Amino acid sequence: MTARNRSRAGDHRTRASRASKSTASDRFRELRRAQDETPEDRLLLATLRIRIPKGLWTGTFSRAHPSVNVEVLNRADVSKDVSVSDHWISGRPPGVWATEIASLPGILKVDSLAEVGDGSLYRITYQNPPIIYLYRDLGIPIQFPLRVQGGTIRWEVVARHSEFRAVLKYTEKADPNFQVVSIRRRPLRSHLPVLTDTQHQLLTQAMAAGYFAVPRGITLTDLARRLDRSKSAVSEAIAIIERKLLESALRPTSLTP
């Protein structure tokens, strides 16, 4: 390669880098503007790409194996400070990562469940990262699956204005250089059906326990036992919630941008 060609290649890389930074900066400004302009009767839906902070096992593991894909499928409380989640992790043979993950800080238990596609399902019990406490305090569900690769996580946020600001504030502290992948705004009435406080609480608890996860993270019997309610009562209540969700999704107003 001649000196002139090397110079041109260098200029091209510089322009591409500046364009990439400009795009990320523009999206961040758009996110800021969206949260400032969004009233409380609308939802913000944003997809963020965040560098996982040091000390969290997902960051340590995925940085050590940058080509490996990790999907967090659900989460349930074991105790106030401990969670359990099902993870799909690429790589063979089945259970190949179990020993390594079990040795990482914050990991309490790893069970290799089954081979699925080009990877395996693992049920991992771990100490809660700070984001769990934030979502718990805000009373909003985490959107699954969470996708992790190369030390970054793709995080979807669906929240009202005030809740979104709290999540964004945490994100900026965790990774000042986080990227905004997409932003949308929806009327609250078109995204959520009218649920009673009791129904909303049950929906949140069932989602947190992994009842709606694929594969399901908890059986109806175990969910009812955890909530100290009868199986029939929980089944009937969830059926009503699901009907409301379906009716809301089928309404034409649910497509309003």
Protein backbone atom coordinates (compact mmCIF):
# COMPACT_ATOMS: atom_id res chain seq x y z
CA MET A 1 0.00 0.00 0.00
CA THR A 2 1.42 3.40 -0.99
CA ALA A 3 1.73 6.28 1.45
CA ARG A 4 -1.15 8.05 -0.34
CA ASN A 5 -3.40 5.00 -0.07
CA ARG A 6 -2.55 4.56 3.61
CA SER A 7 -3.41 8.20 4.17
CA ARG A 8 -6.74 7.82 2.39
CA ALA A 9 -7.54 4.67 4.39
CA GLY A 10 -6.72 6.49 7.60
CA ASP A 11 -8.93 9.42 6.60
CA HIS A 12 -11.77 7.02 5.82
CA ARG A 13 -11.49 5.34 9.24
CA THR A 14 -11.42 8.73 10.96
CA ARG A 15 -14.55 9.90 9.13
CA ALA A 16 -16.32 6.61 9.93
CA SER A 17 -15.41 6.93 13.60
CA ARG A 18 -16.64 10.52 13.71
CA ALA A 19 -19.86 9.53 11.97
CA SER A 20 -20.42 6.72 14.48
CA LYS A 21 -19.81 9.03 17.42
CA SER A 22 -22.07 11.65 15.86
CA THR A 23 -24.88 9.11 15.45
CA ALA A 24 -24.55 7.95 19.06
CA SER A 25 -24.45 11.56 20.25
CA ASP A 26 -27.52 12.45 18.19
CA ARG A 27 -29.45 9.49 19.62
CA PHE A 28 -28.46 10.43 23.15
CA ARG A 29 -29.69 14.00 22.58
CA GLU A 30 -32.90 12.56 21.15
CA LEU A 31 -33.31 10.41 24.24
CA ARG A 32 -32.76 13.43 26.48
CA ARG A 33 -35.29 15.44 24.49
CA ALA A 34 -37.78 12.58 24.53
CA GLN A 35 -37.67 12.20 28.29
CA ASP A 36 -37.93 15.97 28.80
CA GLU A 37 -40.92 16.28 26.45
CA THR A 38 -42.80 13.12 27.41
CA PRO A 39 -45.75 13.73 29.76
CA GLU A 40 -46.69 11.30 32.50
CA ASP A 41 -49.56 9.82 30.44
CA ARG A 42 -47.12 8.37 27.90
CA LEU A 43 -44.56 5.61 27.99
CA LEU A 44 -40.98 5.79 26.82
CA LEU A 45 -39.69 2.66 25.09
CA ALA A 46 -35.93 2.69 24.59
CA THR A 47 -33.30 0.10 23.75
CA LEU A 48 -29.87 0.82 25.24
CA ARG A 49 -26.48 -0.81 24.76
CA ILE A 50 -24.54 -0.61 28.02
CA ARG A 51 -21.01 -1.58 29.01
CA ILE A 52 -21.42 -3.96 31.95
CA PRO A 53 -19.74 -2.55 35.09
CA LYS A 54 -16.75 -4.36 36.57
CA GLY A 55 -17.55 -6.85 39.30
CA LEU A 56 -20.64 -8.34 37.61
CA TRP A 57 -20.18 -11.92 36.44
CA THR A 58 -21.88 -11.35 33.08
CA GLY A 59 -19.31 -8.69 32.21
CA THR A 60 -16.34 -10.76 33.36
CA PHE A 61 -17.52 -13.88 31.53
CA SER A 62 -18.55 -12.22 28.27
CA ARG A 63 -15.35 -10.15 28.03
CA ALA A 64 -13.33 -13.34 28.45
CA HIS A 65 -15.37 -15.00 25.66
CA PRO A 66 -16.37 -12.17 23.28
CA SER A 67 -17.83 -14.48 20.62
CA VAL A 68 -20.19 -16.21 23.07
CA ASN A 69 -23.84 -15.11 23.19
CA VAL A 70 -25.66 -14.95 26.52
CA GLU A 71 -29.43 -14.46 26.84
CA VAL A 72 -31.00 -13.91 30.26
CA LEU A 73 -34.51 -15.34 29.93
CA ASN A 74 -36.16 -14.53 33.26
CA ARG A 75 -35.56 -13.73 36.92
CA ALA A 76 -37.11 -14.72 40.23
CA ASP A 77 -36.36 -13.74 43.82
CA VAL A 78 -34.75 -16.36 46.03
CA SER A 79 -34.42 -13.87 48.88
CA LYS A 80 -34.11 -10.10 49.24
CA ASP A 81 -30.54 -10.11 47.96
CA VAL A 82 -30.43 -13.25 45.81
CA SER A 83 -32.00 -14.01 42.42
CA VAL A 84 -32.19 -17.00 40.10
CA SER A 85 -32.36 -16.74 36.31
CA ASP A 86 -32.38 -19.09 33.35
CA HIS A 87 -29.68 -18.29 30.80
CA TRP A 88 -29.16 -19.56 27.28
CA ILE A 89 -25.43 -19.52 26.50
CA SER A 90 -23.92 -20.54 23.17
CA GLY A 91 -21.18 -23.16 23.09
CA ARG A 92 -20.78 -26.91 23.13
CA PRO A 93 -20.63 -29.54 24.58
CA PRO A 94 -23.71 -29.19 26.87
CA GLY A 95 -22.85 -27.53 30.17
CA VAL A 96 -19.40 -26.49 28.98
CA TRP A 97 -19.50 -23.19 30.90
CA ALA A 98 -20.95 -24.40 34.21
CA THR A 99 -17.67 -24.81 36.11
CA GLU A 100 -16.23 -21.50 34.95
CA ILE A 101 -19.38 -19.52 35.75
CA ALA A 102 -19.63 -21.15 39.19
CA SER A 103 -16.15 -19.80 40.03
CA LEU A 104 -17.04 -16.16 39.29
CA PRO A 105 -17.73 -13.61 42.06
CA GLY A 106 -21.35 -13.34 43.12
CA ILE A 107 -22.36 -16.76 41.77
CA LEU A 108 -23.97 -19.07 44.33
CA LYS A 109 -25.09 -22.01 42.20
CA VAL A 110 -25.08 -23.16 38.56
CA ASP A 111 -27.25 -25.96 37.15
CA SER A 112 -26.87 -27.12 33.56
CA LEU A 113 -30.42 -27.87 32.39
CA ALA A 114 -30.44 -28.91 28.74
CA GLU A 115 -28.84 -28.51 25.33
CA VAL A 116 -30.81 -26.08 23.16
CA GLY A 117 -29.69 -25.28 19.61
CA ASP A 118 -26.05 -24.25 19.52
CA GLY A 119 -25.87 -23.79 23.29
CA SER A 120 -27.27 -24.83 26.63
CA LEU A 121 -29.71 -23.65 29.27
CA TYR A 122 -28.23 -22.85 32.66
CA ARG A 123 -30.11 -21.98 35.85
CA ILE A 124 -27.87 -19.57 37.76
CA THR A 125 -28.36 -18.33 41.31
CA TYR A 126 -26.50 -15.10 42.06
CA GLN A 127 -26.16 -12.08 44.32
CA ASN A 128 -28.33 -9.22 43.07
CA PRO A 129 -26.63 -6.49 41.02
CA PRO A 130 -27.66 -2.90 41.90
CA ILE A 131 -30.10 -2.61 38.97
CA ILE A 132 -32.39 -5.20 40.58
CA TYR A 133 -32.93 -2.98 43.63
CA LEU A 134 -33.67 0.02 41.40
CA TYR A 135 -36.33 -1.82 39.41
CA ARG A 136 -37.79 -3.25 42.61
CA ASP A 137 -38.07 0.23 44.16
CA LEU A 138 -39.66 1.63 40.99
CA GLY A 139 -42.10 -1.30 40.76
CA ILE A 140 -41.49 -1.91 37.05
CA PRO A 141 -40.69 -5.28 35.41
CA ILE A 142 -37.43 -6.00 33.65
CA GLN A 143 -37.94 -6.67 29.94
CA PHE A 144 -36.61 -10.10 28.95
CA PRO A 145 -34.65 -11.49 27.25
CA LEU A 146 -31.50 -9.51 28.06
CA ARG A 147 -28.75 -10.06 25.48
CA VAL A 148 -25.10 -10.00 26.50
CA GLN A 149 -22.00 -10.24 24.34
CA GLY A 150 -18.43 -8.97 24.61
CA GLY A 151 -18.97 -7.14 27.89
CA THR A 152 -22.05 -5.21 26.77
CA ILE A 153 -25.74 -5.75 27.44
CA ARG A 154 -28.71 -4.82 25.28
CA TRP A 155 -31.25 -3.41 27.72
CA GLU A 156 -34.86 -2.54 26.87
CA VAL A 157 -36.61 0.02 29.08
CA VAL A 158 -40.39 0.49 29.15
CA ALA A 159 -41.43 3.02 31.78
CA ARG A 160 -43.30 6.18 32.58
CA HIS A 161 -41.43 9.47 32.46
CA SER A 162 -40.40 9.63 36.14
CA GLU A 163 -39.37 5.97 36.24
CA PHE A 164 -37.46 6.31 33.00
CA ARG A 165 -35.46 9.25 34.37
CA ALA A 166 -34.39 7.13 37.35
CA VAL A 167 -33.26 4.28 35.07
CA LEU A 168 -31.42 6.70 32.80
CA LYS A 169 -29.64 8.30 35.76
CA TYR A 170 -28.42 4.88 36.89
CA THR A 171 -27.34 4.00 33.35
CA GLU A 172 -25.26 7.17 32.98
CA LYS A 173 -23.39 6.34 36.20
CA ALA A 174 -22.81 2.72 35.17
CA ASP A 175 -21.64 3.61 31.65
CA PRO A 176 -21.28 7.30 30.67
CA ASN A 177 -20.71 6.17 27.06
CA PHE A 178 -23.81 3.99 26.72
CA GLN A 179 -25.47 3.89 23.29
CA VAL A 180 -29.11 4.53 22.41
CA VAL A 181 -30.22 1.91 19.87
CA SER A 182 -33.84 3.04 19.49
CA ILE A 183 -36.47 5.30 21.08
CA ARG A 184 -40.25 5.25 20.85
CA ARG A 185 -43.09 6.94 22.67
CA ARG A 186 -46.56 5.53 23.15
CA PRO A 187 -49.72 6.78 24.87
CA LEU A 188 -50.01 4.98 28.19
CA ARG A 189 -53.62 3.99 27.51
CA SER A 190 -52.64 2.34 24.22
CA HIS A 191 -49.81 0.31 25.74
CA LEU A 192 -51.33 -0.80 29.01
CA PRO A 193 -54.87 -2.03 29.73
CA VAL A 194 -56.75 -0.71 32.73
CA LEU A 195 -55.61 -3.02 35.53
CA THR A 196 -56.56 -2.71 39.16
CA ASP A 197 -53.74 -2.23 41.67
CA THR A 198 -54.14 -5.87 42.72
CA GLN A 199 -53.97 -7.10 39.12
CA HIS A 200 -50.93 -4.94 38.38
CA GLN A 201 -49.19 -6.29 41.48
CA LEU A 202 -49.95 -9.90 40.48
CA LEU A 203 -48.72 -9.27 36.93
CA THR A 204 -45.47 -7.78 38.23
CA GLN A 205 -44.94 -10.65 40.68
CA ALA A 206 -45.67 -13.29 38.04
CA MET A 207 -43.31 -11.66 35.53
CA ALA A 208 -40.55 -11.31 38.13
CA ALA A 209 -40.96 -14.99 39.05
CA GLY A 210 -40.62 -16.02 35.40
CA TYR A 211 -44.18 -17.27 34.91
CA PHE A 212 -44.44 -15.65 31.46
CA ALA A 213 -40.89 -16.56 30.42
CA VAL A 214 -40.11 -19.04 27.64
CA PRO A 215 -39.39 -21.61 28.89
CA ARG A 216 -41.56 -20.93 31.94
CA GLY A 217 -39.46 -20.24 35.01
CA ILE A 218 -42.08 -21.26 37.60
CA THR A 219 -45.19 -23.42 37.60
CA LEU A 220 -48.63 -22.11 38.49
CA THR A 221 -48.61 -24.31 41.60
CA ASP A 222 -45.30 -22.90 42.82
CA LEU A 223 -46.35 -19.32 41.99
CA ALA A 224 -49.55 -19.74 44.00
CA ARG A 225 -47.56 -21.21 46.90
CA ARG A 226 -45.12 -18.29 46.80
CA LEU A 227 -48.00 -15.78 46.84
CA ASP A 228 -49.81 -17.72 49.58
CA ARG A 229 -52.93 -18.03 47.44
CA SER A 230 -54.89 -20.95 46.03
CA LYS A 231 -53.91 -22.26 42.63
CA SER A 232 -57.43 -21.73 41.25
CA ALA A 233 -57.54 -18.11 42.45
CA VAL A 234 -54.19 -17.27 40.85
CA SER A 235 -55.15 -19.08 37.63
CA GLU A 236 -58.42 -17.16 37.35
CA ALA A 237 -56.76 -13.82 38.15
CA ILE A 238 -54.02 -14.35 35.55
CA ALA A 239 -56.60 -15.36 32.93
CA ILE A 240 -58.42 -12.04 33.47
CA ILE A 241 -55.15 -10.11 33.19
CA GLU A 242 -54.22 -11.96 29.99
CA ARG A 243 -57.65 -11.20 28.48
CA LYS A 244 -57.22 -7.49 29.25
CA LEU A 245 -53.73 -7.51 27.76
CA LEU A 246 -55.00 -9.21 24.60
CA GLU A 247 -57.94 -6.83 24.24
CA SER A 248 -55.60 -3.88 24.68
CA ALA A 249 -53.16 -5.22 22.08
CA LEU A 250 -55.97 -5.71 19.54
CA ARG A 251 -57.39 -2.20 19.91
CA PRO A 252 -56.48 0.08 16.96
CA THR A 253 -55.26 2.77 19.36
CA SER A 254 -52.49 0.43 20.51
CA LEU A 255 -50.66 1.25 17.27
CA THR A 256 -50.60 5.00 17.85
CA PRO A 257 -46.98 6.22 17.65
